[in-house]
């Protein structure tokens, strides 16, 4: 049986009629075609406002705001104008959602960076301890350690370094 998939090219659909249809349609409208003379800053605020007013749960709202932020960014030269516009009283909720969105992304990036730093630190410690105990490490052993991505797995090797009599007993290839 052969399936055929139809695709929708959102960039070819006029977005104007979708803004008022609901929060998902408003977010997807950021991917659609808009008239050249339409004020993109006003459009962006309108789309974000529609999502904010939807009453969706935080995770759903975050997803839709992310879509708008990604596909309808504020142009570099219009950031100050956008900040002034969004700081108006009627757009306070939009401003709060944008700040929450930006902070959530920063927090996720921070947590991801901390996790990567922790893993890399444990890799380096494991290599240092192995080299101190067994001498220069073969490239294959270093590559095996570099491939470890789990804190728990690295901790297991770090614990076994204390009692292992050889690299082979540790369980690392080499």
N, C-alpha and C. Protein backbone atom coordinates (compact mmCIF):
# COMPACT_ATOMS: atom_id res chain seq x y z
N UNK A 1 0.85 -1.17 0.00
CA UNK A 1 0.00 0.00 0.00
C UNK A 1 0.89 1.23 0.00
N UNK A 2 0.60 2.17 -0.82
CA UNK A 2 1.40 3.37 -0.95
C UNK A 2 0.61 4.57 -0.43
N UNK A 3 1.25 5.33 0.46
CA UNK A 3 0.61 6.51 1.01
C UNK A 3 1.17 7.75 0.34
N UNK A 4 0.32 8.69 0.13
CA UNK A 4 0.77 9.98 -0.37
C UNK A 4 0.46 11.00 0.70
N UNK A 5 1.40 11.89 0.92
CA UNK A 5 1.25 12.92 1.94
C UNK A 5 1.04 14.26 1.27
N UNK A 6 0.09 14.97 1.75
CA UNK A 6 -0.12 16.32 1.25
C UNK A 6 0.58 17.27 2.20
N UNK A 7 1.19 18.27 1.65
CA UNK A 7 1.84 19.26 2.51
C UNK A 7 1.19 20.60 2.30
N UNK A 8 1.24 21.39 3.33
CA UNK A 8 0.69 22.73 3.27
C UNK A 8 1.85 23.70 3.37
N UNK A 9 1.98 24.52 2.38
CA UNK A 9 3.04 25.53 2.40
C UNK A 9 2.48 26.77 3.07
N UNK A 10 2.72 26.89 4.36
CA UNK A 10 2.14 28.00 5.13
C UNK A 10 2.57 29.35 4.60
N UNK A 11 3.78 29.43 4.05
CA UNK A 11 4.28 30.71 3.55
C UNK A 11 3.45 31.24 2.38
N UNK A 12 2.64 30.38 1.76
CA UNK A 12 1.83 30.81 0.63
C UNK A 12 0.39 31.14 1.01
N UNK A 13 0.03 30.92 2.25
CA UNK A 13 -1.33 31.19 2.73
C UNK A 13 -1.36 32.58 3.35
N UNK A 14 -2.42 33.30 3.09
CA UNK A 14 -2.56 34.62 3.70
C UNK A 14 -2.86 34.46 5.18
N UNK A 15 -2.04 35.08 6.02
CA UNK A 15 -2.17 34.92 7.46
C UNK A 15 -3.25 35.76 8.10
N UNK A 16 -3.69 36.83 7.43
CA UNK A 16 -4.62 37.79 8.01
C UNK A 16 -5.88 37.12 8.57
N UNK A 17 -6.45 36.18 7.83
CA UNK A 17 -7.70 35.57 8.26
C UNK A 17 -7.54 34.59 9.41
N UNK A 18 -6.32 34.20 9.73
CA UNK A 18 -6.10 33.21 10.78
C UNK A 18 -5.86 33.81 12.15
N UNK A 19 -5.56 35.07 12.23
CA UNK A 19 -5.21 35.70 13.50
C UNK A 19 -6.31 35.55 14.53
N UNK A 20 -7.54 35.70 14.15
CA UNK A 20 -8.65 35.67 15.10
C UNK A 20 -9.27 34.30 15.29
N UNK A 21 -8.76 33.27 14.64
CA UNK A 21 -9.38 31.95 14.71
C UNK A 21 -9.05 31.19 15.99
N UNK A 22 -8.02 31.57 16.69
CA UNK A 22 -7.66 30.88 17.92
C UNK A 22 -6.16 30.99 18.14
N UNK A 23 -5.68 30.58 19.31
CA UNK A 23 -4.27 30.75 19.64
C UNK A 23 -3.33 29.96 18.73
N UNK A 24 -3.70 28.74 18.36
CA UNK A 24 -2.84 27.96 17.47
C UNK A 24 -2.78 28.60 16.09
N UNK A 25 -3.93 28.99 15.58
CA UNK A 25 -3.97 29.65 14.27
C UNK A 25 -3.17 30.95 14.31
N UNK A 26 -3.26 31.68 15.41
CA UNK A 26 -2.50 32.93 15.53
C UNK A 26 -1.00 32.64 15.51
N UNK A 27 -0.57 31.61 16.20
CA UNK A 27 0.86 31.27 16.22
C UNK A 27 1.31 30.81 14.84
N UNK A 28 0.50 29.99 14.18
CA UNK A 28 0.86 29.53 12.84
C UNK A 28 0.84 30.67 11.82
N UNK A 29 0.07 31.69 12.11
CA UNK A 29 0.02 32.84 11.20
C UNK A 29 1.39 33.51 11.08
N UNK A 30 2.24 33.32 12.07
CA UNK A 30 3.60 33.87 11.99
C UNK A 30 4.37 33.25 10.83
N UNK A 31 3.95 32.07 10.39
CA UNK A 31 4.61 31.38 9.28
C UNK A 31 4.00 31.71 7.93
N UNK A 32 2.90 32.44 7.93
CA UNK A 32 2.15 32.68 6.70
C UNK A 32 2.55 33.98 6.02
N UNK A 33 2.00 34.18 4.84
CA UNK A 33 2.29 35.36 4.03
C UNK A 33 1.50 36.55 4.56
N UNK A 34 2.17 37.70 4.58
CA UNK A 34 1.55 38.94 5.01
C UNK A 34 1.84 40.02 3.99
N UNK A 35 0.93 40.96 3.87
CA UNK A 35 1.15 42.07 2.95
C UNK A 35 2.42 42.82 3.30
N UNK A 36 3.08 43.35 2.30
CA UNK A 36 4.34 44.05 2.51
C UNK A 36 4.19 45.28 3.40
N UNK A 37 3.07 45.94 3.34
CA UNK A 37 2.92 47.18 4.08
C UNK A 37 2.38 46.98 5.49
N UNK A 38 2.09 45.75 5.87
CA UNK A 38 1.59 45.48 7.21
C UNK A 38 2.68 45.73 8.24
N UNK A 39 2.35 46.37 9.31
CA UNK A 39 3.29 46.66 10.39
C UNK A 39 3.63 45.36 11.12
N UNK A 40 4.84 44.87 10.92
CA UNK A 40 5.23 43.58 11.50
C UNK A 40 5.28 43.64 13.03
N UNK A 41 5.62 44.79 13.59
CA UNK A 41 5.66 44.89 15.05
C UNK A 41 4.25 44.78 15.63
N UNK A 42 3.32 45.47 15.00
CA UNK A 42 1.92 45.39 15.43
C UNK A 42 1.37 43.98 15.25
N UNK A 43 1.74 43.34 14.15
CA UNK A 43 1.33 41.97 13.89
C UNK A 43 1.85 41.04 14.98
N UNK A 44 3.12 41.18 15.29
CA UNK A 44 3.74 40.34 16.32
C UNK A 44 3.03 40.50 17.66
N UNK A 45 2.79 41.73 18.06
CA UNK A 45 2.09 41.98 19.32
C UNK A 45 0.67 41.43 19.27
N UNK A 46 0.02 41.58 18.13
CA UNK A 46 -1.33 41.04 17.99
C UNK A 46 -1.37 39.53 18.12
N UNK A 47 -0.41 38.84 17.49
CA UNK A 47 -0.36 37.39 17.57
C UNK A 47 -0.06 36.94 19.00
N UNK A 48 0.92 37.60 19.61
CA UNK A 48 1.24 37.26 21.01
C UNK A 48 0.05 37.54 21.93
N UNK A 49 -0.63 38.67 21.69
CA UNK A 49 -1.80 39.02 22.49
C UNK A 49 -2.89 37.97 22.39
N UNK A 50 -3.08 37.44 21.19
CA UNK A 50 -4.10 36.41 20.97
C UNK A 50 -3.76 35.15 21.78
N UNK A 51 -2.49 34.77 21.78
CA UNK A 51 -2.06 33.59 22.53
C UNK A 51 -2.21 33.83 24.03
N UNK A 52 -1.80 35.02 24.49
CA UNK A 52 -1.88 35.37 25.91
C UNK A 52 -3.32 35.35 26.40
N UNK A 53 -4.23 35.85 25.59
CA UNK A 53 -5.63 35.94 25.99
C UNK A 53 -6.37 34.61 25.88
N UNK A 54 -5.71 33.59 25.36
CA UNK A 54 -6.38 32.32 25.09
C UNK A 54 -6.74 31.53 26.34
N UNK A 55 -6.04 31.75 27.45
CA UNK A 55 -6.30 30.98 28.66
C UNK A 55 -5.68 29.59 28.62
N UNK A 56 -4.76 29.36 27.71
CA UNK A 56 -4.09 28.07 27.62
C UNK A 56 -3.19 27.84 28.83
N UNK A 57 -2.86 26.59 29.08
CA UNK A 57 -1.93 26.30 30.16
C UNK A 57 -0.54 26.82 29.78
N UNK A 58 0.33 26.92 30.77
CA UNK A 58 1.65 27.54 30.58
C UNK A 58 2.48 26.84 29.52
N UNK A 59 2.47 25.51 29.50
CA UNK A 59 3.28 24.77 28.53
C UNK A 59 2.80 25.02 27.10
N UNK A 60 1.49 25.01 26.89
CA UNK A 60 0.95 25.26 25.55
C UNK A 60 1.24 26.68 25.11
N UNK A 61 1.05 27.62 26.03
CA UNK A 61 1.33 29.02 25.72
C UNK A 61 2.80 29.20 25.37
N UNK A 62 3.68 28.57 26.13
CA UNK A 62 5.12 28.67 25.88
C UNK A 62 5.45 28.16 24.48
N UNK A 63 4.85 27.06 24.09
CA UNK A 63 5.10 26.48 22.77
C UNK A 63 4.67 27.45 21.66
N UNK A 64 3.50 28.04 21.80
CA UNK A 64 3.01 28.96 20.78
C UNK A 64 3.80 30.27 20.75
N UNK A 65 4.16 30.78 21.92
CA UNK A 65 4.99 31.99 21.97
C UNK A 65 6.34 31.70 21.33
N UNK A 66 6.89 30.53 21.58
CA UNK A 66 8.16 30.14 20.98
C UNK A 66 8.06 30.15 19.45
N UNK A 67 6.96 29.65 18.91
CA UNK A 67 6.75 29.65 17.47
C UNK A 67 6.75 31.08 16.92
N UNK A 68 6.02 31.96 17.58
CA UNK A 68 5.96 33.36 17.13
C UNK A 68 7.32 34.03 17.27
N UNK A 69 7.98 33.83 18.40
CA UNK A 69 9.29 34.43 18.64
C UNK A 69 10.30 33.96 17.59
N UNK A 70 10.21 32.71 17.20
CA UNK A 70 11.16 32.14 16.25
C UNK A 70 10.91 32.61 14.83
N UNK A 71 9.66 32.62 14.40
CA UNK A 71 9.36 32.88 13.00
C UNK A 71 8.90 34.30 12.68
N UNK A 72 8.70 35.10 13.70
CA UNK A 72 8.35 36.50 13.48
C UNK A 72 9.16 37.36 14.45
N UNK A 73 10.50 37.30 14.30
CA UNK A 73 11.36 38.04 15.24
C UNK A 73 11.26 39.55 15.03
N UNK A 74 11.65 40.27 16.05
CA UNK A 74 11.72 41.73 15.94
C UNK A 74 12.96 42.05 15.11
N UNK A 75 12.81 42.81 14.03
CA UNK A 75 13.98 43.17 13.23
C UNK A 75 15.00 43.94 14.06
N UNK A 76 16.26 43.74 13.78
CA UNK A 76 17.36 44.35 14.55
C UNK A 76 17.17 45.85 14.73
N UNK A 77 16.83 46.55 13.68
CA UNK A 77 16.71 48.01 13.76
C UNK A 77 15.44 48.51 14.41
N UNK A 78 14.53 47.62 14.78
CA UNK A 78 13.25 48.05 15.34
C UNK A 78 13.06 47.63 16.79
N UNK A 79 14.11 47.19 17.43
CA UNK A 79 13.98 46.69 18.81
C UNK A 79 13.54 47.77 19.80
N UNK A 80 14.12 48.94 19.70
CA UNK A 80 13.74 50.02 20.62
C UNK A 80 12.29 50.42 20.38
N UNK A 81 11.89 50.54 19.14
CA UNK A 81 10.50 50.87 18.81
C UNK A 81 9.56 49.78 19.36
N UNK A 82 9.95 48.52 19.21
CA UNK A 82 9.14 47.42 19.72
C UNK A 82 9.03 47.49 21.24
N UNK A 83 10.14 47.76 21.92
CA UNK A 83 10.11 47.86 23.39
C UNK A 83 9.15 48.97 23.84
N UNK A 84 9.19 50.09 23.16
CA UNK A 84 8.27 51.19 23.51
C UNK A 84 6.83 50.78 23.27
N UNK A 85 6.59 50.13 22.16
CA UNK A 85 5.23 49.72 21.81
C UNK A 85 4.68 48.69 22.81
N UNK A 86 5.48 47.69 23.13
CA UNK A 86 5.01 46.62 24.01
C UNK A 86 4.93 47.08 25.47
N UNK A 87 5.56 48.19 25.80
CA UNK A 87 5.50 48.68 27.19
C UNK A 87 4.20 49.43 27.49
N UNK A 88 3.37 49.63 26.49
CA UNK A 88 2.07 50.27 26.73
C UNK A 88 1.22 49.40 27.65
N UNK A 89 0.36 50.06 28.39
CA UNK A 89 -0.48 49.37 29.38
C UNK A 89 -1.29 48.23 28.77
N UNK A 90 -1.86 48.42 27.60
CA UNK A 90 -2.70 47.39 26.99
C UNK A 90 -1.92 46.15 26.56
N UNK A 91 -0.60 46.25 26.50
CA UNK A 91 0.24 45.11 26.11
C UNK A 91 1.04 44.54 27.27
N UNK A 92 0.67 44.88 28.49
CA UNK A 92 1.41 44.42 29.67
C UNK A 92 1.50 42.89 29.73
N UNK A 93 0.41 42.21 29.43
CA UNK A 93 0.41 40.74 29.48
C UNK A 93 1.35 40.15 28.43
N UNK A 94 1.39 40.77 27.25
CA UNK A 94 2.31 40.33 26.20
C UNK A 94 3.74 40.48 26.68
N UNK A 95 4.02 41.60 27.30
CA UNK A 95 5.37 41.85 27.81
C UNK A 95 5.73 40.81 28.87
N UNK A 96 4.82 40.50 29.76
CA UNK A 96 5.08 39.50 30.80
C UNK A 96 5.36 38.13 30.20
N UNK A 97 4.57 37.75 29.19
CA UNK A 97 4.77 36.45 28.54
C UNK A 97 6.12 36.41 27.83
N UNK A 98 6.48 37.50 27.16
CA UNK A 98 7.78 37.53 26.48
C UNK A 98 8.92 37.43 27.49
N UNK A 99 8.79 38.11 28.61
CA UNK A 99 9.84 38.04 29.63
C UNK A 99 9.91 36.63 30.22
N UNK A 100 8.77 36.02 30.47
CA UNK A 100 8.72 34.65 30.99
C UNK A 100 9.35 33.69 29.99
N UNK A 101 9.01 33.87 28.71
CA UNK A 101 9.55 33.03 27.64
C UNK A 101 11.07 33.15 27.59
N UNK A 102 11.57 34.39 27.59
CA UNK A 102 13.02 34.62 27.52
C UNK A 102 13.72 34.05 28.75
N UNK A 103 13.15 34.24 29.92
CA UNK A 103 13.76 33.72 31.14
C UNK A 103 13.78 32.20 31.14
N UNK A 104 12.70 31.59 30.66
CA UNK A 104 12.64 30.12 30.60
C UNK A 104 13.73 29.60 29.66
N UNK A 105 13.93 30.25 28.52
CA UNK A 105 14.98 29.83 27.60
C UNK A 105 16.35 29.99 28.23
N UNK A 106 16.57 31.11 28.92
CA UNK A 106 17.85 31.33 29.59
C UNK A 106 18.08 30.27 30.66
N UNK A 107 17.04 29.95 31.44
CA UNK A 107 17.15 28.95 32.49
C UNK A 107 17.46 27.57 31.90
N UNK A 108 16.76 27.21 30.81
CA UNK A 108 17.02 25.92 30.18
C UNK A 108 18.45 25.87 29.66
N UNK A 109 18.92 26.96 29.08
CA UNK A 109 20.29 27.02 28.59
C UNK A 109 21.30 26.91 29.71
N UNK A 110 21.00 27.58 30.82
CA UNK A 110 21.87 27.52 32.00
C UNK A 110 21.95 26.09 32.53
N UNK A 111 20.80 25.45 32.67
CA UNK A 111 20.77 24.09 33.20
C UNK A 111 21.49 23.13 32.26
N UNK A 112 21.28 23.30 30.96
CA UNK A 112 21.96 22.45 29.99
C UNK A 112 23.47 22.67 30.06
N UNK A 113 23.90 23.91 30.18
CA UNK A 113 25.32 24.23 30.29
C UNK A 113 25.93 23.66 31.55
N UNK A 114 25.20 23.76 32.66
CA UNK A 114 25.70 23.18 33.92
C UNK A 114 25.86 21.67 33.81
N UNK A 115 24.89 21.02 33.20
CA UNK A 115 24.94 19.57 33.04
C UNK A 115 26.13 19.18 32.15
N UNK A 116 26.31 19.90 31.03
CA UNK A 116 27.43 19.61 30.15
C UNK A 116 28.76 19.85 30.87
N UNK A 117 28.84 20.90 31.66
CA UNK A 117 30.06 21.20 32.42
C UNK A 117 30.35 20.13 33.45
N UNK A 118 29.32 19.64 34.11
CA UNK A 118 29.49 18.57 35.11
C UNK A 118 30.01 17.30 34.45
N UNK A 119 29.42 16.93 33.32
CA UNK A 119 29.85 15.72 32.61
C UNK A 119 31.30 15.88 32.15
N UNK A 120 31.63 17.03 31.56
CA UNK A 120 32.99 17.25 31.09
C UNK A 120 33.99 17.23 32.24
N UNK A 121 33.64 17.81 33.37
CA UNK A 121 34.52 17.80 34.54
C UNK A 121 34.77 16.38 35.03
N UNK A 122 33.73 15.55 35.04
CA UNK A 122 33.89 14.16 35.48
C UNK A 122 34.74 13.37 34.48
N UNK A 123 34.58 13.65 33.19
CA UNK A 123 35.42 12.99 32.18
C UNK A 123 36.90 13.31 32.44
N UNK A 124 37.18 14.60 32.64
CA UNK A 124 38.57 15.02 32.86
C UNK A 124 39.13 14.43 34.15
N UNK A 125 38.31 14.37 35.19
CA UNK A 125 38.75 13.77 36.46
C UNK A 125 39.05 12.29 36.27
N UNK A 126 38.17 11.60 35.55
CA UNK A 126 38.39 10.17 35.31
C UNK A 126 39.69 9.95 34.55
N UNK A 127 39.93 10.74 33.52
CA UNK A 127 41.18 10.60 32.75
C UNK A 127 42.39 10.87 33.64
N UNK A 128 42.30 11.92 34.44
CA UNK A 128 43.42 12.29 35.31
C UNK A 128 43.71 11.18 36.33
N UNK A 129 42.66 10.64 36.93
CA UNK A 129 42.85 9.57 37.92
C UNK A 129 43.41 8.30 37.27
N UNK A 130 42.90 7.96 36.10
CA UNK A 130 43.40 6.78 35.40
C UNK A 130 44.86 6.95 35.00
N UNK A 131 45.20 8.12 34.49
CA UNK A 131 46.59 8.38 34.09
C UNK A 131 47.51 8.34 35.31
N UNK A 132 47.05 8.84 36.44
CA UNK A 132 47.87 8.82 37.65
C UNK A 132 48.08 7.39 38.14
N UNK A 133 47.09 6.55 37.96
CA UNK A 133 47.17 5.18 38.47
C UNK A 133 47.84 4.22 37.49
N UNK A 134 47.53 4.40 36.17
CA UNK A 134 47.99 3.42 35.18
C UNK A 134 48.97 3.98 34.15
N UNK A 135 49.27 5.24 34.21
CA UNK A 135 50.17 5.84 33.22
C UNK A 135 49.38 6.40 32.03
N UNK A 136 50.11 6.72 30.98
CA UNK A 136 49.48 7.33 29.78
C UNK A 136 48.34 6.45 29.27
N UNK A 137 47.24 7.09 28.92
CA UNK A 137 46.05 6.36 28.47
C UNK A 137 46.09 6.15 26.96
N UNK A 138 45.73 4.94 26.52
CA UNK A 138 45.61 4.72 25.08
C UNK A 138 44.50 5.60 24.49
N UNK A 139 44.65 5.95 23.22
CA UNK A 139 43.65 6.80 22.55
C UNK A 139 42.25 6.20 22.61
N UNK A 140 42.16 4.89 22.50
CA UNK A 140 40.86 4.22 22.55
C UNK A 140 40.17 4.43 23.90
N UNK A 141 40.93 4.40 24.97
CA UNK A 141 40.38 4.63 26.31
C UNK A 141 39.91 6.07 26.43
N UNK A 142 40.73 7.02 25.97
CA UNK A 142 40.32 8.43 26.02
C UNK A 142 39.06 8.66 25.20
N UNK A 143 39.00 8.04 24.01
CA UNK A 143 37.81 8.18 23.16
C UNK A 143 36.58 7.57 23.84
N UNK A 144 36.77 6.44 24.53
CA UNK A 144 35.65 5.81 25.25
C UNK A 144 35.13 6.72 26.36
N UNK A 145 36.06 7.35 27.06
CA UNK A 145 35.66 8.26 28.14
C UNK A 145 34.95 9.48 27.55
N UNK A 146 35.46 10.01 26.45
CA UNK A 146 34.83 11.16 25.80
C UNK A 146 33.42 10.84 25.32
N UNK A 147 33.14 9.58 25.04
CA UNK A 147 31.82 9.18 24.56
C UNK A 147 30.80 9.02 25.69
N UNK A 148 31.27 8.97 26.93
CA UNK A 148 30.35 8.83 28.07
C UNK A 148 29.59 10.14 28.27
N UNK A 149 28.28 10.06 28.36
CA UNK A 149 27.46 11.27 28.47
C UNK A 149 26.63 11.32 29.75
N UNK A 150 26.67 10.27 30.54
CA UNK A 150 25.82 10.21 31.72
C UNK A 150 26.66 10.42 32.99
N UNK A 151 26.17 11.28 33.87
CA UNK A 151 26.82 11.52 35.15
C UNK A 151 26.90 10.22 35.95
N UNK A 152 25.84 9.44 35.94
CA UNK A 152 25.79 8.20 36.70
C UNK A 152 26.85 7.21 36.20
N UNK A 153 26.97 7.09 34.88
CA UNK A 153 27.95 6.17 34.31
C UNK A 153 29.38 6.62 34.64
N UNK A 154 29.64 7.90 34.53
CA UNK A 154 30.95 8.44 34.89
C UNK A 154 31.24 8.22 36.37
N UNK A 155 30.24 8.44 37.22
CA UNK A 155 30.43 8.21 38.66
C UNK A 155 30.78 6.75 38.94
N UNK A 156 30.17 5.83 38.20
CA UNK A 156 30.48 4.41 38.37
C UNK A 156 31.95 4.13 38.06
N UNK A 157 32.43 4.69 36.97
CA UNK A 157 33.85 4.49 36.62
C UNK A 157 34.76 5.17 37.65
N UNK A 158 34.38 6.36 38.09
CA UNK A 158 35.19 7.07 39.09
C UNK A 158 35.28 6.25 40.39
N UNK A 159 34.19 5.60 40.77
CA UNK A 159 34.21 4.74 41.97
C UNK A 159 35.11 3.52 41.76
N UNK A 160 35.04 2.92 40.56
CA UNK A 160 35.82 1.70 40.29
C UNK A 160 37.31 1.97 40.13
N UNK A 161 37.69 3.22 39.83
CA UNK A 161 39.11 3.55 39.72
C UNK A 161 39.84 3.19 41.01
N UNK A 162 39.19 3.36 42.14
CA UNK A 162 39.82 3.13 43.44
C UNK A 162 40.23 1.67 43.64
N UNK A 163 39.45 0.75 43.07
CA UNK A 163 39.71 -0.67 43.33
C UNK A 163 40.21 -1.43 42.12
N UNK A 164 40.15 -0.86 40.93
CA UNK A 164 40.56 -1.56 39.71
C UNK A 164 42.07 -1.77 39.69
N UNK A 165 42.47 -2.99 39.31
CA UNK A 165 43.90 -3.29 39.22
C UNK A 165 44.46 -3.01 37.84
N UNK A 166 43.57 -2.80 36.86
CA UNK A 166 44.03 -2.51 35.49
C UNK A 166 42.91 -1.81 34.74
N UNK A 167 43.27 -1.25 33.59
CA UNK A 167 42.25 -0.62 32.74
C UNK A 167 41.22 -1.66 32.29
N UNK A 168 41.69 -2.86 32.01
CA UNK A 168 40.78 -3.93 31.57
C UNK A 168 39.76 -4.25 32.65
N UNK A 169 40.19 -4.31 33.91
CA UNK A 169 39.28 -4.60 35.03
C UNK A 169 38.25 -3.48 35.23
N UNK A 170 38.63 -2.27 34.82
CA UNK A 170 37.73 -1.13 34.96
C UNK A 170 36.55 -1.27 33.98
N UNK A 171 36.82 -1.97 32.87
CA UNK A 171 35.73 -2.19 31.90
C UNK A 171 35.75 -1.23 30.74
N UNK A 172 36.78 -0.40 30.65
CA UNK A 172 36.91 0.50 29.50
C UNK A 172 37.71 -0.20 28.41
N UNK A 173 37.30 -0.07 27.15
CA UNK A 173 38.10 -0.70 26.08
C UNK A 173 39.47 -0.04 25.99
N UNK A 174 40.47 -0.76 25.66
CA UNK A 174 41.78 -0.16 25.52
C UNK A 174 42.82 -1.18 25.58
